[in-house]
Protein backbone atom coordinates (compact mmCIF):
# COMPACT_ATOMS: atom_id res chain seq x y z
CA UNK A 1 -6.17 12.79 -16.85
CA UNK A 2 -5.52 10.28 -14.08
CA UNK A 3 -2.46 9.74 -11.90
CA UNK A 4 -1.05 6.66 -10.17
CA UNK A 5 -0.09 6.02 -6.54
CA UNK A 6 1.37 2.85 -5.01
CA UNK A 7 1.12 1.91 -1.34
CA UNK A 8 1.98 -1.13 0.78
CA UNK A 9 0.22 -1.37 4.14
CA UNK A 10 -0.04 -5.08 4.93
CA UNK A 11 -2.41 -7.61 3.36
CA UNK A 12 -3.25 -6.12 -0.01
CA UNK A 13 -6.84 -7.39 -0.05
CA UNK A 14 -8.04 -5.00 2.64
CA UNK A 15 -5.82 -2.11 1.56
CA UNK A 16 -7.18 -2.36 -1.96
CA UNK A 17 -10.75 -2.22 -0.70
CA UNK A 18 -10.11 0.89 1.39
CA UNK A 19 -8.94 2.70 -1.73
CA UNK A 20 -11.66 1.21 -3.96
CA UNK A 21 -14.16 2.77 -1.54
CA UNK A 22 -12.55 6.21 -2.00
CA UNK A 23 -14.30 8.74 -4.24
CA UNK A 24 -11.98 9.69 -7.09
CA UNK A 25 -10.22 6.33 -7.29
CA UNK A 26 -10.79 5.09 -10.83
CA UNK A 27 -9.11 1.67 -10.64
CA UNK A 28 -6.93 -0.50 -8.42
CA UNK A 29 -4.60 -3.41 -8.96
CA UNK A 30 -2.82 -5.51 -6.35
CA UNK A 31 0.68 -6.75 -6.95
CA UNK A 32 4.24 -7.09 -5.77
CA UNK A 33 7.07 -4.56 -5.78
CA UNK A 34 10.17 -3.52 -3.91
CA UNK A 35 11.97 -6.84 -4.17
CA UNK A 36 14.68 -8.49 -6.18
CA UNK A 37 13.08 -11.49 -7.91
CA UNK A 38 11.53 -11.48 -11.35
CA UNK A 39 7.84 -12.32 -11.83
CA UNK A 40 7.17 -13.45 -8.24
CA UNK A 41 4.15 -15.54 -7.35
CA UNK A 42 2.03 -15.14 -4.23
CA UNK A 43 3.48 -18.36 -2.83
CA UNK A 44 7.04 -17.10 -3.39
CA UNK A 45 6.31 -13.71 -1.82
CA UNK A 46 4.66 -15.34 1.20
CA UNK A 47 7.55 -17.80 1.46
CA UNK A 48 9.87 -14.86 2.05
CA UNK A 49 13.17 -14.28 0.31
CA UNK A 50 11.82 -12.26 -2.64
CA UNK A 51 11.99 -8.90 -0.87
CA UNK A 52 8.67 -7.90 -2.45
CA UNK A 53 5.85 -6.19 -0.59
CA UNK A 54 2.17 -6.82 -1.18
CA UNK A 55 1.12 -3.47 -2.64
CA UNK A 56 -1.79 -1.68 -4.28
CA UNK A 57 -1.52 0.42 -7.43
CA UNK A 58 -4.18 3.12 -7.46
CA UNK A 59 -5.32 5.06 -10.49
CA UNK A 60 -7.02 8.24 -9.32
CA UNK A 61 -8.50 11.47 -10.65
CA UNK A 62 -6.58 14.32 -8.98
CA UNK A 63 -9.49 16.69 -9.70
CA UNK A 64 -11.57 14.57 -7.28
CA UNK A 65 -9.06 13.21 -4.77
CA UNK A 66 -5.55 14.51 -4.21
CA UNK A 67 -2.40 12.51 -3.62
CA UNK A 68 -2.25 14.20 -0.19
CA UNK A 69 -5.73 12.83 0.63
CA UNK A 70 -4.67 9.34 -0.49
CA UNK A 71 -1.71 9.62 1.90
CA UNK A 72 -4.11 10.53 4.74
CA UNK A 73 -6.15 7.42 3.95
CA UNK A 74 -2.95 5.34 3.81
CA UNK A 75 -1.87 6.52 7.29
CA UNK A 76 -5.33 5.86 8.75
CA UNK A 77 -5.71 2.38 7.22
CA UNK A 78 -2.84 0.63 9.05
CA UNK A 79 -0.28 0.92 11.84
CA UNK A 80 2.68 2.63 10.16
CA UNK A 81 4.89 2.03 13.23
CA UNK A 82 5.01 -1.73 12.82
CA UNK A 83 8.03 -3.22 11.07
CA UNK A 84 7.34 -6.10 8.67
CA UNK A 85 3.86 -6.83 9.99
CA UNK A 86 0.28 -5.66 10.16
CA UNK A 87 -2.14 -7.24 12.59
CA UNK A 88 -1.60 -10.99 12.62
CA UNK A 89 0.36 -10.95 9.35
CA UNK A 90 4.14 -11.10 9.79
CA UNK A 91 6.89 -10.85 7.17
CA UNK A 92 8.60 -8.27 4.98
CA UNK A 93 5.84 -8.68 2.39
CA UNK A 94 3.54 -6.90 4.89
CA UNK A 95 5.82 -3.90 5.44
CA UNK A 96 4.56 -0.35 5.29
CA UNK A 97 5.86 1.53 2.25
CA UNK A 98 5.08 4.33 -0.16
CA UNK A 99 6.42 3.69 -3.65
CA UNK A 100 6.75 6.99 -5.49
CA UNK A 101 6.55 7.59 -9.21
CA UNK A 102 8.28 10.98 -9.35
CA UNK A 103 10.06 13.63 -7.28
CA UNK A 104 6.83 15.49 -6.50
CA UNK A 105 5.30 12.34 -4.97
CA UNK A 106 8.49 11.66 -3.01
CA UNK A 107 8.55 15.19 -1.58
CA UNK A 108 4.84 15.05 -0.73
CA UNK A 109 5.19 11.61 0.86
CA UNK A 110 8.19 12.70 2.94
CA UNK A 111 6.37 15.82 4.18
CA UNK A 112 3.28 13.74 4.96
CA UNK A 113 5.37 11.19 6.88
CA UNK A 114 7.04 13.96 8.92
CA UNK A 115 3.63 15.47 9.74
CA UNK A 116 2.21 12.07 10.70
CA UNK A 117 5.25 11.39 12.90
CA UNK A 118 4.75 14.74 14.64
CA UNK A 119 0.98 14.29 15.02
CA UNK A 120 1.13 12.43 18.32
CA UNK A 121 -1.22 9.72 16.99
CA UNK A 122 1.41 6.99 17.24
CA UNK A 123 3.24 5.61 20.29
CA UNK A 124 6.34 4.77 18.25
CA UNK A 125 8.14 6.38 15.30
CA UNK A 126 6.75 5.66 11.85
CA UNK A 127 8.54 2.80 10.08
CA UNK A 128 7.09 3.46 6.62
CA UNK A 129 9.68 3.25 3.85
CA UNK A 130 9.55 5.76 0.99
CA UNK A 131 11.25 4.59 -2.17
CA UNK A 132 10.92 4.93 -5.93
CA UNK A 133 8.62 2.42 -7.59
CA UNK A 134 10.70 -0.19 -9.34
CA UNK A 135 9.30 -3.05 -11.36
CA UNK A 136 5.63 -3.79 -10.71
CA UNK A 137 4.36 -7.35 -10.84
CA UNK A 138 0.59 -7.79 -11.05
CA UNK A 139 -0.68 -10.37 -8.55
CA UNK A 140 -2.63 -13.40 -9.68
CA UNK A 141 -6.17 -12.70 -10.86
CA UNK A 142 -7.84 -14.31 -7.84
CA UNK A 143 -6.26 -11.59 -5.64
CA UNK A 144 -7.72 -8.71 -7.66
CA UNK A 145 -10.75 -7.15 -5.92
CA UNK A 146 -10.59 -10.06 -3.48
CA UNK A 147 -13.10 -8.62 -1.00
CA UNK A 148 -15.66 -7.94 -3.73
CA UNK A 149 -15.31 -11.51 -5.01
CA UNK A 150 -15.23 -13.21 -1.60
CA UNK A 151 -17.19 -11.04 0.80
CA UNK A 152 -14.31 -9.50 2.77
CA UNK A 153 -13.77 -10.08 6.44
CA UNK A 154 -10.04 -10.84 6.37
CA UNK A 155 -6.93 -8.71 6.82
CA UNK A 156 -6.08 -6.08 9.39
CA UNK A 157 -8.05 -3.25 7.73
CA UNK A 158 -11.29 -2.36 9.50
CA UNK A 159 -14.43 -2.61 7.34
């Protein structure tokens, strides 16, 4: 039985690859969530005004990798103190967010955020939003597994 997690940590190409490289992750899908427009396109999301974040939906096997471990990977894969940006990418579509699917995920995410804030690893407070997952919009096909199709090398995520 698999479970689902959804994270936004900047450019979804690199974030997706970090999780695809994680043992226990069964599948990934990049898309848009957290906004107020229906069926947004990449151009609309990048043009601002939709309120959507670039995000990654992760299907994982909790017998192999826990939600807590995925949160650790999330914190390590970006700068959670930046507001509406990651690396050179600026805009609310690049915000840091955890989109939860149930109360257990929300509680775990909030505890993880508090621990990360208290860890001393960051010079500023964590800006990551934690909110329930609303409507999910799958991104265009050319964005799916972008690094595998195009050789990587872009985005803020170290490879």
